[in-house]
N, C-alpha and C. Protein backbone atom coordinates (compact mmCIF):
# COMPACT_ATOMS: atom_id res chain seq x y z
N MET A 1 -11.55 -64.49 -1.90
CA MET A 1 -10.14 -64.05 -1.53
C MET A 1 -10.35 -62.59 -0.66
N SER A 2 -9.67 -62.74 0.15
CA SER A 2 -10.01 -61.34 1.13
C SER A 2 -9.31 -60.36 0.66
N PRO A 3 -9.74 -59.08 0.83
CA PRO A 3 -9.01 -57.83 0.14
C PRO A 3 -7.66 -57.69 0.90
N ARG A 4 -6.70 -56.92 0.21
CA ARG A 4 -5.37 -56.65 0.79
C ARG A 4 -5.68 -55.68 1.86
N SER A 5 -4.65 -55.76 2.81
CA SER A 5 -4.80 -54.68 3.94
C SER A 5 -4.17 -53.24 3.41
N ALA A 6 -4.42 -52.35 4.13
CA ALA A 6 -4.13 -50.96 3.77
C ALA A 6 -2.17 -51.12 3.89
N SER A 7 -1.93 -51.65 4.59
CA SER A 7 -0.31 -51.90 4.72
C SER A 7 0.26 -52.70 3.49
N VAL A 8 -0.44 -53.62 3.09
CA VAL A 8 0.07 -54.46 1.89
C VAL A 8 -0.02 -53.39 0.78
N ASN A 9 -1.35 -52.76 0.52
CA ASN A 9 -1.34 -51.85 -0.60
C ASN A 9 -0.25 -50.94 -0.55
N GLU A 10 0.09 -50.22 0.63
CA GLU A 10 1.16 -49.20 0.62
C GLU A 10 2.41 -49.76 0.35
N GLU A 11 2.85 -50.90 0.80
CA GLU A 11 4.12 -51.53 0.40
C GLU A 11 4.05 -51.81 -1.13
N LEU A 12 3.21 -52.19 -1.77
CA LEU A 12 3.28 -52.34 -3.12
C LEU A 12 3.32 -50.94 -3.71
N ARG A 13 2.56 -49.92 -3.41
CA ARG A 13 2.81 -48.69 -4.03
C ARG A 13 4.19 -48.23 -4.16
N ARG A 14 4.73 -48.44 -2.87
CA ARG A 14 6.11 -48.30 -2.76
C ARG A 14 7.11 -49.09 -3.53
N ARG A 15 6.95 -50.07 -3.81
CA ARG A 15 7.76 -50.87 -4.55
C ARG A 15 7.65 -50.31 -5.96
N SER A 16 6.52 -50.23 -6.35
CA SER A 16 6.03 -49.57 -7.98
C SER A 16 6.75 -48.39 -8.14
N ARG A 17 6.68 -47.50 -7.07
CA ARG A 17 7.52 -46.11 -7.23
C ARG A 17 8.97 -46.29 -7.36
N GLU A 18 9.56 -47.17 -6.48
CA GLU A 18 10.96 -47.51 -6.67
C GLU A 18 11.34 -47.99 -7.77
N ARG A 19 10.47 -48.84 -8.62
CA ARG A 19 10.76 -49.53 -9.62
C ARG A 19 10.96 -48.55 -10.82
N LEU A 20 9.78 -47.66 -10.62
CA LEU A 20 9.99 -46.37 -11.83
C LEU A 20 11.17 -45.63 -11.38
N LEU A 21 11.42 -45.13 -10.26
CA LEU A 21 12.80 -44.70 -10.17
C LEU A 21 13.96 -45.13 -10.60
N GLN A 22 14.28 -46.33 -10.40
CA GLN A 22 15.28 -47.05 -10.96
C GLN A 22 15.33 -47.17 -12.21
N ALA A 23 14.18 -47.18 -12.94
CA ALA A 23 14.08 -47.59 -14.37
C ALA A 23 14.32 -46.19 -14.87
N THR A 24 14.05 -45.13 -14.53
CA THR A 24 14.64 -43.55 -14.66
C THR A 24 15.98 -43.57 -15.05
N VAL A 25 16.50 -43.80 -13.98
CA VAL A 25 18.18 -43.76 -13.66
C VAL A 25 18.80 -44.64 -14.80
N GLU A 26 18.54 -45.86 -14.98
CA GLU A 26 18.98 -46.88 -15.85
C GLU A 26 18.84 -46.14 -17.40
N LEU A 27 17.64 -45.83 -17.68
CA LEU A 27 17.39 -45.49 -19.06
C LEU A 27 17.82 -44.08 -19.52
N VAL A 28 17.85 -42.94 -18.64
CA VAL A 28 18.66 -41.85 -18.91
C VAL A 28 20.15 -42.07 -19.06
N ALA A 29 20.68 -42.69 -18.12
CA ALA A 29 22.19 -43.06 -18.15
C ALA A 29 22.43 -43.86 -19.59
N GLU A 30 21.66 -44.61 -20.25
CA GLU A 30 21.95 -45.35 -21.33
C GLU A 30 21.46 -44.64 -22.59
N ARG A 31 20.46 -43.77 -22.44
CA ARG A 31 19.90 -43.17 -23.76
C ARG A 31 19.84 -41.80 -23.75
N GLY A 32 20.01 -41.14 -22.73
CA GLY A 32 19.99 -39.78 -22.63
C GLY A 32 18.34 -39.24 -21.99
N TYR A 33 18.34 -38.09 -21.88
CA TYR A 33 17.08 -37.63 -21.30
C TYR A 33 15.86 -37.65 -22.41
N GLU A 34 16.29 -36.90 -23.38
CA GLU A 34 15.17 -36.73 -24.87
C GLU A 34 14.96 -37.84 -25.20
N ALA A 35 15.80 -39.06 -25.26
CA ALA A 35 15.43 -40.26 -25.92
C ALA A 35 14.67 -41.27 -25.28
N THR A 36 14.54 -40.77 -23.78
CA THR A 36 13.58 -41.58 -22.76
C THR A 36 12.43 -41.10 -22.88
N THR A 37 11.22 -41.89 -23.13
CA THR A 37 9.84 -41.70 -22.92
C THR A 37 9.57 -42.12 -21.70
N LEU A 38 8.15 -41.51 -21.13
CA LEU A 38 7.40 -41.99 -19.81
C LEU A 38 7.15 -43.54 -20.20
N GLY A 39 6.77 -44.06 -21.49
CA GLY A 39 6.25 -45.02 -21.75
C GLY A 39 7.58 -46.19 -21.70
N ASP A 40 8.64 -45.63 -22.04
CA ASP A 40 10.02 -46.38 -21.78
C ASP A 40 10.05 -46.80 -20.39
N ILE A 41 10.12 -45.76 -19.76
CA ILE A 41 10.24 -46.00 -18.25
C ILE A 41 9.26 -46.91 -17.54
N ALA A 42 7.95 -46.71 -17.93
CA ALA A 42 7.10 -47.69 -17.58
C ALA A 42 7.30 -49.16 -17.94
N ASP A 43 7.58 -49.40 -19.12
CA ASP A 43 7.86 -50.52 -19.51
C ASP A 43 9.16 -51.46 -18.93
N ARG A 44 10.02 -50.46 -18.84
CA ARG A 44 11.38 -51.12 -18.02
C ARG A 44 10.86 -51.43 -16.78
N ALA A 45 9.99 -50.62 -15.91
CA ALA A 45 9.75 -50.80 -14.49
C ALA A 45 8.84 -51.90 -14.38
N GLY A 46 7.97 -52.36 -15.60
CA GLY A 46 6.90 -53.45 -15.63
C GLY A 46 5.63 -52.95 -15.10
N ALA A 47 5.41 -51.71 -15.15
CA ALA A 47 4.43 -50.98 -14.67
C ALA A 47 3.40 -50.38 -15.44
N ALA A 48 2.27 -50.09 -15.43
CA ALA A 48 1.35 -49.44 -16.16
C ALA A 48 1.70 -48.17 -16.63
N ARG A 49 1.38 -47.54 -17.83
CA ARG A 49 2.23 -46.18 -18.14
C ARG A 49 1.20 -45.25 -17.39
N GLY A 50 -0.01 -45.55 -17.03
CA GLY A 50 -0.85 -44.52 -16.23
C GLY A 50 -0.19 -44.43 -14.86
N LEU A 51 0.61 -45.25 -14.20
CA LEU A 51 1.13 -45.19 -12.98
C LEU A 51 2.26 -44.14 -13.10
N VAL A 52 2.94 -44.12 -14.07
CA VAL A 52 3.79 -42.99 -13.99
C VAL A 52 3.29 -41.45 -13.54
N SER A 53 2.11 -41.08 -14.54
CA SER A 53 1.43 -39.94 -14.19
C SER A 53 1.08 -39.94 -12.68
N TYR A 54 0.47 -40.69 -12.37
CA TYR A 54 0.07 -41.01 -10.85
C TYR A 54 1.03 -40.48 -9.91
N TYR A 55 2.24 -41.03 -9.96
CA TYR A 55 3.16 -40.47 -8.99
C TYR A 55 4.06 -39.34 -9.37
N PHE A 56 3.99 -39.01 -10.65
CA PHE A 56 4.91 -37.80 -11.02
C PHE A 56 4.17 -37.00 -12.05
N PRO A 57 4.26 -35.66 -11.89
CA PRO A 57 3.67 -34.53 -12.85
C PRO A 57 4.35 -34.55 -14.26
N GLY A 58 5.38 -35.03 -14.33
CA GLY A 58 6.31 -35.08 -15.46
C GLY A 58 7.32 -35.65 -15.34
N LYS A 59 8.04 -35.79 -16.70
CA LYS A 59 9.43 -36.54 -16.78
C LYS A 59 10.42 -35.77 -16.05
N ARG A 60 10.48 -34.42 -15.99
CA ARG A 60 11.61 -33.73 -15.19
C ARG A 60 11.48 -34.02 -13.90
N GLN A 61 10.28 -34.09 -13.15
CA GLN A 61 9.98 -34.29 -11.78
C GLN A 61 10.54 -35.63 -11.53
N LEU A 62 10.25 -36.74 -12.30
CA LEU A 62 10.46 -38.02 -12.25
C LEU A 62 12.12 -38.19 -12.25
N LEU A 63 12.77 -37.45 -13.03
CA LEU A 63 14.31 -37.54 -13.16
C LEU A 63 14.87 -37.05 -11.86
N GLN A 64 14.36 -35.80 -11.39
CA GLN A 64 15.02 -35.52 -10.25
C GLN A 64 14.78 -36.42 -8.87
N SER A 65 13.77 -36.64 -8.76
CA SER A 65 13.19 -37.90 -7.93
C SER A 65 14.38 -38.97 -8.07
N ALA A 66 14.26 -39.44 -9.33
CA ALA A 66 15.17 -40.64 -9.42
C ALA A 66 16.79 -40.51 -9.08
N VAL A 67 17.10 -39.29 -9.29
CA VAL A 67 18.69 -39.02 -9.02
C VAL A 67 18.86 -38.43 -7.65
N HIS A 68 17.80 -38.03 -7.14
CA HIS A 68 17.97 -37.63 -5.58
C HIS A 68 17.93 -38.93 -4.89
N ARG A 69 17.09 -40.07 -5.41
CA ARG A 69 17.17 -41.35 -4.65
C ARG A 69 18.61 -42.20 -4.77
N LEU A 70 19.02 -41.92 -5.97
CA LEU A 70 20.39 -42.46 -6.24
C LEU A 70 21.52 -41.99 -5.48
N MET A 71 21.25 -40.58 -5.28
CA MET A 71 22.35 -39.77 -4.34
C MET A 71 22.07 -40.25 -2.96
N HIS A 72 20.98 -40.34 -2.52
CA HIS A 72 20.71 -40.83 -1.06
C HIS A 72 21.28 -42.09 -0.67
N LEU A 73 20.88 -43.12 -1.83
CA LEU A 73 21.30 -44.42 -1.74
C LEU A 73 22.88 -44.55 -1.57
N THR A 74 23.60 -44.02 -2.41
CA THR A 74 25.00 -43.89 -2.54
C THR A 74 25.70 -43.11 -1.36
N LEU A 75 24.92 -42.10 -0.81
CA LEU A 75 25.55 -41.59 0.31
C LEU A 75 25.42 -42.24 1.67
N GLU A 76 24.44 -42.86 1.54
CA GLU A 76 23.97 -43.76 2.69
C GLU A 76 25.06 -44.99 3.02
N ALA A 77 25.12 -45.66 1.67
CA ALA A 77 26.05 -46.72 1.61
C ALA A 77 27.37 -46.24 1.92
N ALA A 78 27.94 -44.98 1.67
CA ALA A 78 29.19 -44.63 2.08
C ALA A 78 29.37 -44.29 3.55
N LEU A 79 28.43 -43.73 4.17
CA LEU A 79 28.25 -43.45 5.52
C LEU A 79 28.25 -44.70 6.34
N GLU A 80 27.39 -45.86 5.82
CA GLU A 80 27.23 -46.80 6.70
C GLU A 80 28.26 -47.87 6.32
N ARG A 81 29.25 -47.74 5.49
CA ARG A 81 30.25 -48.73 5.29
C ARG A 81 31.24 -49.04 6.29
N GLU A 82 31.34 -50.18 6.60
CA GLU A 82 32.31 -50.72 7.89
C GLU A 82 33.82 -50.27 7.46
N PRO A 83 34.51 -49.93 8.43
CA PRO A 83 33.94 -49.46 9.68
C PRO A 83 33.35 -48.24 9.90
N ARG A 84 31.90 -48.34 10.65
CA ARG A 84 31.18 -46.84 10.56
C ARG A 84 32.02 -45.70 11.15
N PRO A 85 32.04 -44.80 10.78
CA PRO A 85 32.70 -43.64 11.01
C PRO A 85 32.24 -42.89 12.41
N GLN A 86 32.82 -42.79 13.47
CA GLN A 86 32.41 -42.10 14.52
C GLN A 86 32.68 -40.58 14.57
N ASP A 87 33.83 -40.37 13.84
CA ASP A 87 34.52 -38.97 13.53
C ASP A 87 33.82 -38.24 12.54
N GLY A 88 33.45 -37.14 13.01
CA GLY A 88 32.58 -36.47 11.90
C GLY A 88 33.25 -36.08 10.83
N ARG A 89 34.66 -35.80 10.92
CA ARG A 89 35.57 -35.50 9.70
C ARG A 89 35.46 -36.50 8.72
N GLU A 90 35.48 -37.81 9.27
CA GLU A 90 35.48 -38.99 8.35
C GLU A 90 34.32 -38.88 7.55
N ARG A 91 33.10 -38.81 8.25
CA ARG A 91 31.78 -38.87 7.58
C ARG A 91 31.86 -37.86 6.63
N LEU A 92 32.09 -36.54 6.83
CA LEU A 92 32.16 -35.43 5.67
C LEU A 92 33.17 -35.71 4.66
N ALA A 93 34.24 -36.37 5.01
CA ALA A 93 35.28 -36.80 3.63
C ALA A 93 34.40 -38.03 2.99
N ARG A 94 33.72 -38.89 3.43
CA ARG A 94 32.90 -39.83 2.60
C ARG A 94 32.05 -39.33 1.82
N ALA A 95 31.28 -38.38 2.40
CA ALA A 95 30.09 -37.70 1.63
C ALA A 95 30.57 -36.89 0.63
N ILE A 96 31.56 -36.12 0.59
CA ILE A 96 32.37 -35.64 -0.38
C ILE A 96 32.69 -36.40 -1.58
N ASP A 97 33.40 -37.34 -1.09
CA ASP A 97 33.92 -38.88 -2.31
C ASP A 97 32.72 -39.44 -2.80
N ALA A 98 31.68 -39.29 -2.04
CA ALA A 98 30.45 -40.22 -2.62
C ALA A 98 29.65 -39.05 -3.60
N VAL A 99 29.61 -37.99 -3.42
CA VAL A 99 29.04 -37.08 -4.48
C VAL A 99 29.80 -36.93 -5.68
N LEU A 100 31.12 -36.91 -5.40
CA LEU A 100 32.34 -36.70 -6.59
C LEU A 100 32.17 -37.91 -7.29
N GLY A 101 31.93 -38.91 -6.69
CA GLY A 101 32.14 -40.46 -7.35
C GLY A 101 30.84 -40.60 -8.24
N LEU A 102 29.54 -39.86 -7.88
CA LEU A 102 28.69 -39.97 -8.69
C LEU A 102 28.67 -39.21 -10.04
N ALA A 103 29.77 -38.23 -9.92
CA ALA A 103 29.90 -37.58 -11.05
C ALA A 103 30.79 -38.20 -12.07
N ARG A 104 31.72 -39.05 -11.49
CA ARG A 104 32.58 -39.80 -12.17
C ARG A 104 31.82 -41.07 -12.77
N ASP A 105 31.05 -41.73 -11.99
CA ASP A 105 30.70 -42.96 -12.41
C ASP A 105 29.25 -42.76 -13.32
N HIS A 106 28.37 -41.58 -13.15
CA HIS A 106 27.24 -41.51 -13.85
C HIS A 106 27.31 -40.20 -14.68
N PRO A 107 27.99 -39.66 -15.20
CA PRO A 107 28.18 -38.44 -16.13
C PRO A 107 27.04 -37.98 -16.79
N ARG A 108 26.57 -38.80 -17.76
CA ARG A 108 25.42 -38.33 -18.45
C ARG A 108 24.32 -37.88 -17.56
N LEU A 109 24.13 -38.83 -16.58
CA LEU A 109 22.76 -38.64 -15.74
C LEU A 109 23.07 -37.43 -14.84
N MET A 110 24.35 -37.27 -14.38
CA MET A 110 24.31 -36.32 -13.23
C MET A 110 24.35 -34.57 -14.07
N ARG A 111 24.90 -34.81 -15.30
CA ARG A 111 24.89 -33.44 -16.13
C ARG A 111 23.29 -33.12 -16.69
N THR A 112 22.58 -34.31 -16.91
CA THR A 112 21.19 -34.11 -17.24
C THR A 112 20.59 -33.38 -16.01
N HIS A 113 20.60 -34.05 -14.91
CA HIS A 113 20.11 -33.70 -13.51
C HIS A 113 20.39 -32.13 -13.18
N MET A 114 21.65 -31.86 -13.32
CA MET A 114 22.18 -30.59 -12.91
C MET A 114 21.55 -29.46 -13.90
N ALA A 115 21.34 -29.99 -15.26
CA ALA A 115 20.97 -29.00 -16.39
C ALA A 115 19.22 -28.74 -15.88
N GLY A 116 18.66 -29.88 -15.37
CA GLY A 116 17.31 -29.79 -15.06
C GLY A 116 17.01 -28.84 -14.05
N ILE A 117 17.85 -28.92 -12.92
CA ILE A 117 17.63 -27.80 -11.68
C ILE A 117 17.86 -26.45 -12.21
N LEU A 118 18.55 -26.21 -13.20
CA LEU A 118 19.02 -24.72 -13.61
C LEU A 118 17.83 -24.25 -14.64
N GLN A 119 16.90 -25.16 -14.83
CA GLN A 119 15.84 -24.52 -15.79
C GLN A 119 14.66 -24.22 -15.00
N ALA A 120 13.56 -23.79 -15.67
CA ALA A 120 12.49 -22.98 -15.27
C ALA A 120 11.82 -23.83 -14.19
N GLU A 121 12.03 -25.15 -14.10
CA GLU A 121 11.14 -25.89 -12.97
C GLU A 121 11.87 -25.85 -11.76
N GLY A 122 13.21 -25.62 -11.79
CA GLY A 122 14.05 -25.32 -10.62
C GLY A 122 14.10 -26.69 -9.63
N PHE A 123 14.27 -26.39 -8.46
CA PHE A 123 14.65 -27.75 -7.71
C PHE A 123 13.36 -28.27 -7.19
N VAL A 124 13.22 -29.57 -7.63
CA VAL A 124 11.87 -30.42 -6.92
C VAL A 124 11.98 -30.86 -5.49
N GLN A 125 11.14 -30.52 -4.61
CA GLN A 125 11.00 -30.91 -3.52
C GLN A 125 10.17 -32.35 -3.36
N CYS A 126 10.88 -33.33 -2.99
CA CYS A 126 10.17 -34.66 -2.93
C CYS A 126 10.80 -35.52 -1.89
N VAL A 127 10.26 -36.79 -1.69
CA VAL A 127 10.67 -37.52 -0.38
C VAL A 127 12.21 -37.86 -0.48
N GLU A 128 12.54 -38.03 -1.96
CA GLU A 128 13.95 -38.62 -1.92
C GLU A 128 14.97 -37.44 -1.92
N GLN A 129 14.45 -36.20 -2.25
CA GLN A 129 15.36 -35.09 -1.90
C GLN A 129 15.37 -34.87 -0.29
N GLN A 130 14.24 -34.93 0.27
CA GLN A 130 14.26 -34.82 1.67
C GLN A 130 15.16 -35.91 2.46
N ARG A 131 15.27 -37.19 2.19
CA ARG A 131 16.14 -38.26 2.59
C ARG A 131 17.61 -37.64 2.56
N LEU A 132 18.08 -37.18 1.25
CA LEU A 132 19.25 -36.82 0.95
C LEU A 132 19.78 -35.82 1.77
N ALA A 133 18.67 -34.61 2.11
CA ALA A 133 19.05 -33.61 2.78
C ALA A 133 19.12 -33.95 4.22
N GLU A 134 18.40 -34.67 4.74
CA GLU A 134 18.55 -35.23 5.91
C GLU A 134 19.87 -35.78 6.38
N LEU A 135 20.67 -36.38 5.37
CA LEU A 135 21.88 -37.25 5.61
C LEU A 135 23.10 -36.27 5.50
N LEU A 136 22.87 -35.23 4.67
CA LEU A 136 23.78 -34.27 4.54
C LEU A 136 23.81 -33.21 5.94
N ARG A 137 22.42 -33.04 6.07
CA ARG A 137 22.53 -32.21 7.38
C ARG A 137 23.03 -32.95 8.64
N ASP A 138 22.51 -34.21 8.89
CA ASP A 138 23.37 -34.94 9.87
C ASP A 138 24.82 -34.99 9.73
N THR A 139 25.20 -35.26 8.67
CA THR A 139 26.83 -34.93 8.55
C THR A 139 27.39 -33.81 8.94
N VAL A 140 26.65 -32.66 8.44
CA VAL A 140 27.20 -31.55 9.04
C VAL A 140 27.13 -31.19 10.53
N VAL A 141 26.19 -31.83 11.26
CA VAL A 141 26.01 -31.78 12.55
C VAL A 141 27.25 -32.48 13.06
N ARG A 142 27.24 -33.61 12.78
CA ARG A 142 28.37 -34.62 13.19
C ARG A 142 29.73 -34.05 13.20
N TYR A 143 29.89 -33.32 12.05
CA TYR A 143 31.15 -32.52 11.84
C TYR A 143 31.48 -31.43 12.89
N GLY A 144 30.60 -30.99 13.49
CA GLY A 144 30.66 -30.07 14.61
C GLY A 144 30.12 -28.97 14.40
N SER A 145 29.40 -28.47 13.20
CA SER A 145 28.86 -27.13 13.00
C SER A 145 28.14 -26.56 14.20
N VAL A 146 28.10 -25.31 14.45
CA VAL A 146 27.51 -24.46 15.52
C VAL A 146 26.39 -23.84 14.75
N GLU A 147 26.48 -23.72 13.44
CA GLU A 147 25.23 -22.82 12.71
C GLU A 147 24.93 -23.70 11.48
N VAL A 148 24.23 -24.79 11.89
CA VAL A 148 23.91 -25.83 10.92
C VAL A 148 23.11 -25.26 9.65
N ASP A 149 21.98 -24.49 10.05
CA ASP A 149 21.19 -23.72 8.95
C ASP A 149 21.96 -23.00 7.97
N THR A 150 23.23 -22.48 8.42
CA THR A 150 23.93 -21.80 7.50
C THR A 150 25.00 -22.45 6.77
N ASP A 151 25.71 -23.57 7.43
CA ASP A 151 26.50 -24.55 7.09
C ASP A 151 26.13 -25.57 6.17
N TYR A 152 24.82 -26.13 6.34
CA TYR A 152 24.22 -27.21 5.57
C TYR A 152 24.28 -26.74 4.06
N PRO A 153 23.43 -25.84 3.97
CA PRO A 153 23.21 -24.97 2.50
C PRO A 153 24.54 -24.79 1.81
N LEU A 154 25.40 -24.38 2.66
CA LEU A 154 26.81 -23.95 2.09
C LEU A 154 27.26 -25.21 1.50
N LEU A 155 27.44 -26.20 2.18
CA LEU A 155 28.06 -27.62 1.82
C LEU A 155 27.23 -27.86 0.72
N ARG A 156 25.90 -27.88 0.47
CA ARG A 156 25.29 -28.50 -0.57
C ARG A 156 25.53 -27.71 -1.94
N ALA A 157 25.64 -26.48 -1.61
CA ALA A 157 25.99 -25.67 -2.90
C ALA A 157 27.52 -25.93 -3.36
N LEU A 158 28.36 -26.40 -2.21
CA LEU A 158 29.59 -26.33 -2.80
C LEU A 158 29.73 -27.74 -3.40
N LEU A 159 29.04 -28.53 -2.93
CA LEU A 159 29.20 -30.01 -3.68
C LEU A 159 28.42 -29.90 -4.90
N MET A 160 27.25 -29.03 -5.03
CA MET A 160 26.81 -28.76 -6.41
C MET A 160 27.65 -28.18 -7.40
N GLY A 161 28.47 -27.20 -6.93
CA GLY A 161 29.42 -26.72 -7.69
C GLY A 161 30.45 -27.59 -8.26
N ALA A 162 30.88 -28.49 -7.32
CA ALA A 162 32.06 -29.15 -7.75
C ALA A 162 31.23 -30.38 -8.71
N VAL A 163 30.44 -30.60 -8.47
CA VAL A 163 29.75 -31.65 -9.83
C VAL A 163 29.68 -30.97 -11.13
N VAL A 164 29.22 -29.76 -11.11
CA VAL A 164 28.97 -28.99 -12.27
C VAL A 164 30.59 -28.84 -12.93
N ALA A 165 31.36 -28.44 -12.05
CA ALA A 165 32.79 -28.37 -12.56
C ALA A 165 33.37 -29.53 -13.11
N VAL A 166 33.10 -30.67 -12.62
CA VAL A 166 33.67 -31.87 -12.93
C VAL A 166 33.02 -32.22 -14.34
N LEU A 167 31.70 -31.92 -14.55
CA LEU A 167 31.05 -32.15 -15.89
C LEU A 167 31.08 -30.95 -16.78
N LEU A 168 31.43 -30.15 -16.44
CA LEU A 168 31.40 -28.96 -17.48
C LEU A 168 31.81 -29.37 -18.96
N PRO A 169 30.92 -29.25 -19.93
CA PRO A 169 31.52 -29.72 -21.31
C PRO A 169 32.50 -28.76 -21.96
N GLY A 170 33.67 -29.54 -22.30
CA GLY A 170 34.52 -28.62 -22.72
C GLY A 170 35.81 -28.00 -21.81
N ALA A 171 35.35 -27.95 -20.59
CA ALA A 171 36.44 -27.25 -19.80
C ALA A 171 36.28 -27.97 -18.51
N PRO A 172 36.04 -29.39 -18.19
CA PRO A 172 35.96 -29.77 -17.00
C PRO A 172 37.09 -29.84 -15.96
N MET A 173 37.00 -29.70 -14.55
CA MET A 173 37.94 -29.45 -13.68
C MET A 173 38.32 -30.95 -12.92
N PRO A 174 39.44 -31.30 -12.92
CA PRO A 174 39.88 -32.69 -12.33
C PRO A 174 39.12 -32.82 -11.02
N ALA A 175 38.48 -34.08 -10.90
CA ALA A 175 37.87 -34.29 -9.60
C ALA A 175 38.84 -34.29 -8.34
N SER A 176 40.32 -34.67 -8.46
CA SER A 176 41.04 -34.68 -7.44
C SER A 176 41.28 -33.28 -7.04
N ARG A 177 41.42 -32.34 -8.16
CA ARG A 177 41.46 -30.95 -7.56
C ARG A 177 40.52 -30.42 -6.71
N LEU A 178 39.31 -30.56 -7.33
CA LEU A 178 38.11 -30.21 -6.72
C LEU A 178 37.99 -31.00 -5.01
N ARG A 179 38.47 -32.24 -5.07
CA ARG A 179 38.40 -32.83 -3.68
C ARG A 179 39.49 -32.25 -2.74
N ALA A 180 40.60 -31.69 -3.35
CA ALA A 180 41.69 -30.93 -2.84
C ALA A 180 41.27 -29.93 -1.90
N GLU A 181 40.54 -28.96 -2.87
CA GLU A 181 39.94 -27.66 -2.42
C GLU A 181 38.93 -27.98 -1.31
N LEU A 182 38.13 -28.90 -1.49
CA LEU A 182 37.14 -29.08 -0.33
C LEU A 182 37.41 -29.67 0.75
N PHE A 183 38.45 -30.68 0.67
CA PHE A 183 39.05 -31.20 2.10
C PHE A 183 40.07 -30.11 2.66
N GLN A 184 40.57 -29.19 1.83
CA GLN A 184 41.49 -28.00 2.42
C GLN A 184 40.48 -27.21 3.36
N ARG A 185 39.29 -26.94 2.76
CA ARG A 185 38.37 -25.88 3.27
C ARG A 185 37.86 -26.30 4.55
N TYR A 186 37.55 -27.91 4.64
CA TYR A 186 36.89 -28.44 5.81
C TYR A 186 38.18 -28.77 6.69
N GLY A 187 39.19 -28.78 6.49
CA GLY A 187 40.09 -29.46 7.32
C GLY A 187 40.64 -30.90 7.34
N LEU A 188 40.27 -31.45 6.24
CA LEU A 188 40.05 -33.06 6.21
C LEU A 188 41.45 -33.59 5.82
N ASP A 189 41.76 -34.57 6.23
CA ASP A 189 43.01 -35.51 6.10
C ASP A 189 42.71 -35.90 4.44
N TRP A 190 43.63 -35.73 3.61
CA TRP A 190 43.77 -36.52 2.32
C TRP A 190 43.22 -37.92 2.31
N GLU A 191 43.93 -38.66 3.16
CA GLU A 191 43.89 -40.12 3.39
C GLU A 191 42.28 -40.33 4.08
N SER A 192 41.54 -39.64 4.43
CA SER A 192 40.30 -39.89 4.57
C SER A 192 39.24 -40.22 3.86
N GLY A 193 38.12 -40.99 3.95
CA GLY A 193 37.07 -41.14 2.79
C GLY A 193 37.88 -42.01 1.87
N VAL A 194 37.63 -41.98 0.69
CA VAL A 194 38.23 -42.91 -0.40
C VAL A 194 39.11 -42.07 -1.28
N PRO A 195 40.28 -41.81 -0.86
CA PRO A 195 41.33 -41.11 -1.66
C PRO A 195 41.60 -41.90 -2.93
N PRO A 196 41.67 -40.78 -4.02
CA PRO A 196 41.98 -41.42 -5.56
C PRO A 196 43.49 -41.69 -5.40
N ASP A 197 43.65 -42.63 -6.49
CA ASP A 197 45.21 -42.98 -6.81
C ASP A 197 45.93 -41.71 -7.11
N GLY A 198 47.34 -41.83 -7.03
CA GLY A 198 48.32 -40.73 -7.36
C GLY A 198 48.49 -39.77 -6.21
N GLY A 199 47.82 -39.59 -5.03
CA GLY A 199 48.10 -38.77 -4.07
C GLY A 199 47.45 -37.34 -4.38
N PRO A 200 47.51 -36.42 -3.47
CA PRO A 200 46.89 -35.19 -3.81
C PRO A 200 47.67 -34.32 -4.97
N PRO A 201 46.90 -33.53 -5.36
CA PRO A 201 47.49 -32.68 -6.87
C PRO A 201 48.83 -31.82 -6.00
N GLY A 202 49.73 -31.89 -6.97
CA GLY A 202 50.88 -31.37 -6.67
C GLY A 202 52.02 -31.81 -5.47
N GLY A 203 51.54 -33.21 -5.22
CA GLY A 203 52.13 -33.99 -4.30
C GLY A 203 52.31 -33.63 -2.78
N THR A 204 51.72 -32.52 -2.36
CA THR A 204 51.55 -32.16 -0.97
C THR A 204 50.21 -31.57 -0.71
N PHE A 205 49.82 -31.74 0.56
CA PHE A 205 48.52 -31.43 1.18
C PHE A 205 48.79 -31.02 2.53
N PRO A 206 48.15 -29.56 2.70
CA PRO A 206 48.35 -29.21 4.13
C PRO A 206 47.83 -30.11 4.95
N SER A 207 48.34 -30.00 6.27
CA SER A 207 47.94 -30.82 7.32
C SER A 207 46.48 -30.22 7.96
N PRO A 208 45.59 -31.25 8.25
CA PRO A 208 44.15 -30.72 8.70
C PRO A 208 44.49 -29.79 9.87
N ARG A 209 43.41 -28.63 10.13
CA ARG A 209 43.79 -27.76 11.11
C ARG A 209 42.98 -28.21 12.42
C-alpha cells in the first residue's frame, strides 16, 4: 500500500479538528463547561484523546475555537442566504440578527464563551476567529465605512455587548430592544435581516437615515 499524500493527510487532520470543534459545541451546550471533559469531547468526535492536546493547549482554548467556528458558519450562512444581498445595509442587518440569534438559540454555550473571554486567558486568536473577523470586517466595508480599522472593532464590541446583555443572569435585556438600538445606530430598516415577530419595541421605528 502506497503512503498517503501530504494533501490527503492534511485533509484528514482538518476533518479531525472540525469533529473535535463540533463535539465541543454539542457537549458544552448539553452538559455545561465544567461537566464536559476533554475525554468526553474526544469520544464524541471519535478521535484519540491525545489528538485534543495535539491541536489545542487546553479546554478553554478549544471552546473558544469551537464557538468562533459556530459563529463563523452561522454568519456565513446568513450572508450567503438567497437572495444574496448586494446592499451593505442588508448584509449588516443579517450579521446583527445572526449574532443575536446565537444568543437566543445557544444561551448556555454563548454565556460560557463570553465568561471565558473575560477570564485571565482572554481572547484566543485562532483560525476560526480570523475567519469570523474577516466576514465581519468585510460586512463593515460593504456597509460603506471609510474608517474600517475603527468601525470594525466598534461593531464587534457592540455585538459582544448585546450578547452579554441578552444573556445576563437575573437581568437580561430583550433581544428585540437591543436589535432596535443597533439598527437605529446604523440606520437600518427594521424589516431588513430577519425581523422578529411583533414588530419593533413600542410599535414605531425611525426611518433609516
